[in-house]
Each structure stands twice: as structure tokens, then as C-alpha cells.
Protein backbone atom coordinates (compact mmCIF):
# COMPACT_ATOMS: atom_id res chain seq x y z
CA MET A 1 3.75 63.90 3.80
CA VAL A 2 1.27 62.12 1.58
CA SER A 3 1.52 63.89 -1.77
CA PHE A 4 -1.55 65.33 -3.45
CA SER A 5 -0.97 63.09 -6.47
CA ALA A 6 -0.97 60.00 -4.22
CA ILE A 7 -4.15 61.26 -2.55
CA ARG A 8 -5.94 61.53 -5.88
CA THR A 9 -4.68 58.16 -7.05
CA SER A 10 -5.95 56.55 -3.85
CA ASN A 11 -9.34 58.21 -4.20
CA SER A 12 -9.61 57.01 -7.80
CA LEU A 13 -9.54 53.43 -6.46
CA ILE A 14 -12.55 53.87 -4.18
CA LYS A 15 -15.06 52.51 -6.70
CA SER A 16 -13.00 49.38 -7.31
CA THR A 17 -12.33 48.83 -3.59
CA PHE A 18 -15.79 49.20 -2.06
CA PRO A 19 -19.16 47.84 -3.11
CA ALA A 20 -21.91 50.11 -4.37
CA GLY A 21 -24.05 51.85 -1.81
CA LEU A 22 -21.64 53.23 0.76
CA VAL A 23 -23.59 55.16 3.39
CA ALA A 24 -22.15 58.35 4.87
CA VAL A 25 -23.30 61.12 7.19
CA PHE A 26 -21.73 64.57 6.86
CA ILE A 27 -22.35 66.99 9.74
CA GLY A 28 -21.79 70.63 8.85
CA ALA A 29 -21.74 70.20 5.08
CA THR A 30 -23.43 73.29 3.66
CA ASN A 31 -20.18 75.20 3.23
CA GLY A 32 -16.42 74.93 3.49
CA ILE A 33 -14.63 71.67 4.23
CA GLY A 34 -17.82 69.71 4.82
CA GLU A 35 -19.34 70.75 1.51
CA VAL A 36 -16.25 70.06 -0.60
CA SER A 37 -15.64 66.74 1.16
CA LEU A 38 -19.23 65.65 0.49
CA LYS A 39 -18.93 66.55 -3.19
CA THR A 40 -15.60 64.72 -3.45
CA PHE A 41 -17.16 61.67 -1.80
CA ALA A 42 -20.00 61.82 -4.33
CA LYS A 43 -17.55 62.07 -7.23
CA TYR A 44 -15.52 58.99 -6.31
CA THR A 45 -18.12 56.52 -4.99
CA HIS A 46 -20.56 54.13 -6.69
CA GLN A 47 -24.24 54.72 -5.92
CA PRO A 48 -23.57 56.31 -2.51
CA ARG A 49 -26.21 57.40 -0.04
CA ALA A 50 -25.14 60.54 1.80
CA TYR A 51 -27.02 62.35 4.53
CA PHE A 52 -25.76 65.86 5.11
CA ILE A 53 -26.72 68.28 7.84
CA GLY A 54 -26.54 72.07 7.94
CA ARG A 55 -28.41 75.24 8.77
CA SER A 56 -29.31 76.55 5.30
CA GLN A 57 -32.09 74.95 3.27
CA ASP A 58 -31.08 76.93 0.19
CA ALA A 59 -27.49 75.69 0.46
CA GLY A 60 -28.72 72.16 1.11
CA ASP A 61 -30.89 72.17 -2.00
CA ARG A 62 -28.05 73.57 -4.10
CA ILE A 63 -25.49 71.05 -2.86
CA ALA A 64 -27.85 68.10 -3.30
CA ALA A 65 -28.36 69.11 -6.94
CA GLU A 66 -24.62 69.56 -7.48
CA CYS A 67 -23.89 66.14 -5.99
CA LYS A 68 -26.57 64.61 -8.24
CA ALA A 69 -24.89 66.20 -11.25
CA LEU A 70 -21.53 64.77 -10.17
CA ASN A 71 -22.93 61.29 -9.57
CA PRO A 72 -26.51 60.71 -10.74
CA GLY A 73 -26.57 57.21 -9.26
CA GLY A 74 -26.31 58.44 -5.69
CA GLU A 75 -28.79 59.71 -3.10
CA TYR A 76 -28.09 62.98 -1.30
CA ILE A 77 -30.43 63.67 1.59
CA PHE A 78 -30.31 67.05 3.30
CA LYS A 79 -31.57 67.75 6.81
CA LYS A 80 -31.80 71.32 8.07
CA ALA A 81 -30.77 71.39 11.73
CA ASP A 82 -28.90 73.40 14.36
CA VAL A 83 -26.54 70.75 15.67
CA SER A 84 -25.15 72.99 18.40
CA LEU A 85 -28.10 71.65 20.43
CA ILE A 86 -27.84 68.12 21.83
CA ARG A 87 -31.62 67.79 21.62
CA VAL A 88 -31.44 68.39 17.88
CA VAL A 89 -28.50 66.00 17.49
CA ASP A 90 -30.62 63.27 19.06
CA GLU A 91 -33.51 64.04 16.71
CA VAL A 92 -31.27 63.86 13.64
CA CYS A 93 -29.72 60.59 14.79
CA GLU A 94 -33.10 58.99 15.44
CA GLU A 95 -34.24 59.93 11.94
CA ILE A 96 -31.12 58.37 10.41
CA LYS A 97 -31.44 55.22 12.53
CA ARG A 98 -35.02 54.76 11.37
CA LYS A 99 -33.80 54.70 7.77
CA GLU A 100 -30.44 52.91 8.00
CA LYS A 101 -29.15 49.71 9.55
CA SER A 102 -25.47 50.45 8.96
CA LEU A 103 -23.14 53.37 8.32
CA ASN A 104 -19.71 53.47 6.68
CA ILE A 105 -18.50 57.02 7.27
CA LEU A 106 -19.37 59.63 9.88
CA PHE A 107 -17.77 62.94 8.91
CA LEU A 108 -17.95 65.82 11.38
CA SER A 109 -16.92 69.37 10.50
CA ALA A 110 -19.58 71.69 11.95
CA GLY A 111 -18.15 74.91 13.29
CA VAL A 112 -18.84 78.54 14.04
CA LEU A 113 -17.12 81.82 13.21
CA SER A 114 -17.78 83.32 16.64
CA MET A 115 -14.83 83.13 19.03
CA ASP A 116 -16.56 84.67 22.05
CA HIS A 117 -17.97 82.80 25.04
CA SER A 118 -21.59 82.79 23.89
CA GLU A 119 -23.74 79.89 25.08
CA THR A 120 -26.44 77.75 23.52
CA SER A 121 -29.94 77.53 25.02
CA GLU A 122 -28.71 74.32 26.71
CA HIS A 123 -26.08 76.42 28.55
CA VAL A 124 -23.13 75.00 26.64
CA HIS A 125 -20.33 77.15 25.27
CA LEU A 126 -21.25 77.40 21.57
CA LEU A 127 -17.74 76.79 20.29
CA ALA A 128 -17.28 73.83 22.63
CA SER A 129 -20.68 72.43 21.69
CA LEU A 130 -20.00 72.36 17.96
CA ASN A 131 -16.41 71.16 18.29
CA TYR A 132 -16.81 68.62 21.08
CA TYR A 133 -20.16 67.87 22.74
CA SER A 134 -22.29 67.74 19.59
CA ARG A 135 -19.73 65.62 17.77
CA MET A 136 -19.36 63.17 20.64
CA ARG A 137 -23.13 62.85 20.79
CA PHE A 138 -23.30 62.07 17.07
CA ILE A 139 -20.53 59.50 17.44
CA ARG A 140 -22.10 57.84 20.46
CA ASN A 141 -25.57 57.77 18.91
CA LEU A 142 -24.48 56.46 15.51
CA LEU A 143 -21.76 54.07 16.67
CA PRO A 144 -24.13 51.05 16.54
CA LEU A 145 -24.70 51.72 12.84
CA LEU A 146 -20.96 52.00 12.21
CA LYS A 147 -20.37 48.70 14.00
CA ASN A 148 -22.98 47.07 11.75
CA ALA A 149 -21.24 48.00 8.48
CA ASP A 150 -19.89 45.07 6.46
CA THR A 151 -17.02 47.04 4.97
CA LEU A 152 -15.59 50.49 5.72
CA ARG A 153 -16.28 51.78 9.26
CA ARG A 154 -14.72 55.18 9.98
CA VAL A 155 -15.21 58.43 11.89
CA VAL A 156 -13.43 61.61 10.75
CA THR A 157 -13.70 64.70 12.94
CA VAL A 158 -12.17 67.86 11.47
CA GLY A 159 -10.63 69.92 14.22
CA GLY A 160 -7.09 70.15 15.52
CA GLY A 161 -5.26 66.86 15.39
CA GLY A 162 -1.77 67.58 16.71
CA LYS A 163 -2.92 70.87 18.25
CA GLU A 164 -3.87 69.29 21.58
CA GLY A 165 -2.83 71.47 24.50
CA PRO A 166 -3.17 71.93 28.26
CA LEU A 167 -6.55 71.17 29.80
CA ASP A 168 -8.08 73.43 32.42
CA THR A 169 -9.39 70.70 34.72
CA THR A 170 -11.36 73.28 36.71
CA ASP A 171 -13.27 74.34 33.57
CA LEU A 172 -13.67 71.37 31.24
CA PRO A 173 -16.71 72.94 29.50
CA ALA A 174 -14.45 75.89 28.56
CA LEU A 175 -16.86 78.50 29.87
CA ARG A 176 -13.98 80.65 31.11
CA VAL A 177 -10.91 79.33 29.28
CA PRO A 178 -9.17 82.35 27.66
CA LEU A 179 -9.46 82.42 23.88
CA PRO A 180 -5.70 82.01 23.26
CA GLN A 181 -5.81 78.67 25.11
CA ILE A 182 -9.18 77.41 23.95
CA ARG A 183 -8.04 75.60 20.81
CA GLY A 184 -5.58 73.40 22.69
CA HIS A 185 -8.17 72.75 25.40
CA LEU A 186 -10.89 71.70 22.94
CA CYS A 187 -8.53 69.62 20.79
CA SER A 188 -7.47 67.68 23.87
CA LEU A 189 -11.11 67.12 24.82
CA ILE A 190 -11.76 65.68 21.36
CA THR A 191 -8.81 63.29 21.39
CA LEU A 192 -9.39 62.13 24.96
CA GLY A 193 -13.11 61.69 24.33
CA LEU A 194 -12.34 59.63 21.24
CA GLU A 195 -9.99 57.44 23.28
CA THR A 196 -12.92 56.33 25.42
CA VAL A 197 -15.22 55.74 22.44
CA ALA A 198 -12.54 53.84 20.51
CA THR A 199 -12.17 51.27 23.30
CA THR A 200 -15.82 50.32 22.80
CA ALA A 201 -15.52 49.94 19.01
CA PRO A 202 -12.27 48.16 18.01
CA GLY A 203 -13.65 47.55 14.53
CA VAL A 204 -14.13 51.27 13.84
CA SER A 205 -11.27 53.64 13.05
CA PHE A 206 -11.24 57.23 14.32
CA VAL A 207 -9.36 60.15 12.75
CA HIS A 208 -9.06 63.57 14.40
CA ASP A 209 -7.42 65.81 11.81
CA TYR A 210 -6.17 69.34 11.45
CA PRO A 211 -6.92 70.58 7.92
CA GLY A 212 -4.49 73.47 7.79
CA THR A 213 -5.70 76.92 6.81
CA VAL A 214 -8.16 76.06 4.06
CA LEU A 215 -8.70 78.74 1.44
CA GLU A 216 -12.22 79.82 0.46
CA THR A 217 -13.99 78.61 3.58
CA ALA A 218 -16.42 80.80 5.53
CA LEU A 219 -13.71 81.30 8.17
CA TRP A 220 -11.30 82.52 5.51
CA ARG A 221 -13.82 84.94 3.99
CA GLY A 222 -15.44 86.16 7.21
CA LYS A 223 -14.28 89.19 9.13
CA GLY A 224 -11.07 89.55 7.15
CA GLY A 225 -10.10 85.90 7.43
CA PRO A 226 -8.73 83.91 10.37
CA PRO A 227 -6.40 85.52 12.93
CA GLN A 228 -2.88 85.88 11.56
CA ALA A 229 -1.54 83.71 14.38
CA ALA A 230 -3.80 80.86 13.28
CA ILE A 231 -2.54 80.81 9.69
CA ASP A 232 0.08 78.19 8.90
CA THR A 233 -0.09 75.86 5.90
CA LEU A 234 -2.45 77.14 3.23
CA VAL A 235 -4.51 74.40 1.56
CA PRO A 236 -6.75 75.01 -1.49
CA ILE A 237 -10.28 73.93 -0.73
CA GLU A 238 -10.42 71.36 -3.55
CA GLU A 239 -7.28 69.70 -2.20
CA SER A 240 -8.80 69.70 1.29
CA GLY A 241 -11.82 67.81 -0.04
CA GLU A 242 -9.57 65.21 -1.66
CA ARG A 243 -7.47 64.83 1.49
CA HIS A 244 -10.52 64.38 3.70
CA VAL A 245 -12.00 61.68 1.48
CA TYR A 246 -8.59 60.01 1.64
CA LEU A 247 -8.70 60.17 5.44
CA ALA A 248 -12.12 58.53 5.31
CA THR A 249 -11.17 55.67 2.97
CA SER A 250 -7.43 54.94 3.07
CA ALA A 251 -5.84 51.83 4.57
CA LYS A 252 -3.34 54.13 6.27
CA TYR A 253 -5.73 54.51 9.23
CA PRO A 254 -7.01 51.03 10.12
CA SER A 255 -9.22 50.12 13.02
CA LEU A 256 -7.62 48.34 15.97
CA VAL A 257 -8.70 44.90 14.75
CA LYS A 258 -7.90 45.82 11.13
CA GLU A 259 -10.90 44.00 9.76
CA ASN A 260 -12.51 46.82 7.78
CA ALA A 261 -11.73 47.20 4.08
CA ALA A 262 -9.92 50.29 2.84
CA VAL A 263 -8.06 51.57 -0.22
CA GLN A 264 -4.54 50.16 -0.49
CA LEU A 265 -1.87 52.18 -2.29
CA GLY A 266 1.51 50.57 -1.65
CA ASP A 267 4.15 52.25 0.48
CA VAL A 268 2.28 55.57 0.52
CA ASP A 269 -0.25 53.92 2.78
CA SER A 270 2.21 52.65 5.37
CA VAL A 271 0.10 52.40 8.50
CA ALA A 272 -0.05 55.58 10.57
CA LEU A 273 1.03 55.87 14.19
CA ASP A 274 -1.86 56.14 16.62
CA THR A 275 -2.22 58.52 19.57
CA ARG A 276 -0.05 56.19 21.68
CA GLY A 277 2.77 56.08 19.13
CA LYS A 278 1.93 52.57 17.95
CA LEU A 279 1.20 51.41 14.42
CA GLY A 280 -2.45 51.08 13.54
CA GLY A 281 -4.08 51.45 16.93
CA GLY A 282 -7.41 52.69 15.57
CA LEU A 283 -7.28 56.33 16.78
CA TYR A 284 -5.19 58.94 14.99
CA SER A 285 -4.30 62.63 15.38
CA ILE A 286 -3.46 63.70 11.85
CA GLY A 287 -2.00 66.89 10.39
CA TRP A 288 -2.90 68.68 7.17
CA ASP A 289 -0.45 66.45 5.25
CA CYS A 290 -2.28 63.27 6.33
CA GLU A 291 0.56 62.14 8.61
CA SER A 292 0.47 61.41 12.35
CA VAL A 293 1.18 64.41 14.57
CA ALA A 294 -0.08 63.30 17.99
CA PRO A 295 1.71 65.03 20.91
CA LEU A 296 2.63 61.72 22.50
CA GLU A 297 4.19 63.06 25.72
CA LEU A 298 1.24 65.34 26.49
CA LEU A 299 -1.31 62.60 25.83
CA ALA A 300 0.69 60.14 27.95
CA GLU A 301 0.69 62.69 30.77
CA PHE A 302 -3.10 63.02 30.49
CA ARG A 303 -3.46 59.24 30.76
CA GLU A 304 -1.19 59.08 33.79
CA LYS A 305 -3.47 61.63 35.47
CA ASP A 306 -6.53 59.55 34.52
CA MET A 307 -7.86 62.40 32.38
CA VAL A 308 -9.40 60.09 29.78
CA LYS A 309 -11.81 58.82 32.44
CA ALA A 310 -12.34 62.31 33.87
CA VAL A 311 -13.17 63.81 30.47
CA TRP A 312 -15.70 61.10 29.69
CA GLN A 313 -17.33 61.31 33.11
CA HIS A 314 -17.70 65.03 32.55
CA THR A 315 -19.11 64.45 29.07
CA GLU A 316 -21.73 61.99 30.31
CA SER A 317 -22.58 64.36 33.15
CA GLU A 318 -23.19 67.17 30.67
CA PHE A 319 -25.38 64.94 28.53
CA THR A 320 -27.41 64.00 31.61
CA ARG A 321 -27.77 67.65 32.66
CA ILE A 322 -28.87 68.68 29.17
CA GLY A 323 -31.37 65.82 28.99
CA GLU A 324 -32.92 66.84 32.29
CA LEU A 325 -33.01 70.47 31.16
CA ASN A 326 -34.82 69.56 27.95
CA ARG A 327 -37.33 67.40 29.85
CA GLY A 328 -37.99 70.29 32.23
CA LEU A 329 -36.66 68.46 35.28
């Protein structure tokens, strides 16, 4: 376990490690983990430029002002958008690419309280869209900007690192997967999808983390809180923000080629094991305590069955279908 005190010490070194003007994009940052992580990023960085995406203009305005109060030298640019729709994801990405030539951090935490099988207007399971398809689209679209960064280049997707489970190969879009099995299914989709993306970007590091049960999030407050079976380690929301900024900046999670700068903090930052059980492979499934928790045997079994390729072929097929739907073909 990486202690909270070590986390905070590491974060305090961000300004002295990186140049001014780090650029970050936070998807799903108008409440919960995304909001607190954005504010923590603002607190520790020097003249940052942060784009953050959410569904509430009022929340966006409030958070931008709070970030400005924390760090007046930074820019905090809010975009109201429903990122459950791939069409909207593309629009947001195009707007960012018109303004930026490089990107240091892509932080993805958009989610939904609903646990039913409702679908988006693009005929994608809403939960699957926000947890997998939308995030993969953001990563794919913004990867050229991440590759262009001179220093830190990292993707953090907040989901269920270490919670990967069996995949229903007859229902990859999870339209019929029973709710008790859907978390493991979606977490495996995320990790396997990231495996494909990571091979195309050896200079970018990818972290898929499980945040624990974070207090004071919308999930915690809504409908009596999360299901009892889903509650394990309780993490205060301020600590979660600190831990997620650590995941985004620490040398513990290097890219495959290990060329991108990151905060060094002695033995605490001993390089993490990747999803293949090797040191510093560029893709990490991380638990709430910031340590590697990848289910190595399960992931090896998926690779033996060529599921990495199958998942990405399915993903690209869905993106093609959605594109044709939106063009009226």
C-alpha cells in the first residue's frame, strides 16, 4: 500500500518536477471523483490548463471558479456535454484538438447511477457506453495529442482495476449480461481494450484503477448509497482526489519506453507490475491503495483465447455502426 502521507508528499513535488502549463482533460468532472481530482490537480500544478467535461453548466461554472481560487494562474475550461454519445465525444475531441497540440493527462471518470439496461439513442447500453465505449473513443481520438507531449503522457480511467471478470463473448456490448456479472464484464473490456491501445503508444502510460468506495460521491448519496455487496474499502473523497493525482503523475506507473517524466519519491515509487506481471510495462490495473492488482491468470487466459483482438474488433465495429447511424446510412 502507498500510504496517504507518501501520496501527499509526492503530489507536493509536482510543481518542481514538471514545467508550467501542464494540459489535462477531465471527463466526468462536475461531481465526485472527477471533481475532486480536478481540484487537486489545480492545487498542485503550476499554471495548468484543464478542460473538464460534464452535464451541468451550473456545476461547471462553480468548479471553474473554485479551481481559479485554488490556483489563479491556471485556466479551467468547462464544456457541457453528454459523453454517453459517441457523436458528442467526437465533437468534444475536435474542439480540444483545434485548441491544443499536446496533452499531458487524460482523466476519465464519467459514470451513471442507473444500473438497469437502458440504452442511449445510439443503441448502446448506457452503463457500458460511459464506462467503456465513450472512454475508448476519447482515448483513441486524443492519443495523438498525448503522443505529442514533451513531458508527462498518461491516461487514467477510473473503473475497476483488479475487478476484471468473465466475459460473455456472445454479448460483448453487455445488452443482456445480468447485473451481478456486469462489473467484471465491463472491467475486462476496459483492460483488454487498453491493451490494444497501449501497443500503439509505447510512450504513453495507462492506468485502470479501482477507487474503492469513495465517500460523498453521487453514488454514495443516491438511492441510499451503493449496494452493500459493492462496499469494501471506504475512502474519503479528499484522499481519493490526492490518490488519483498521484496515479496521474507518479513515476510508479511508467510508460513502456519509460521516457516520460514523472514524480520520483524513492522506494515508495518502486515501479508497479503491469497487467502481464512485469515491471513497468505501461499498462496497469491498480487498486484503491495504488498498488497493482491485475488478475494475471484471467488476463493470460483472455490472451490465449485471442480476446484482446476480439474485443477491439468489436469496439471498432460498434464505432462504425454508430457512425453510420449518425450519418443516417
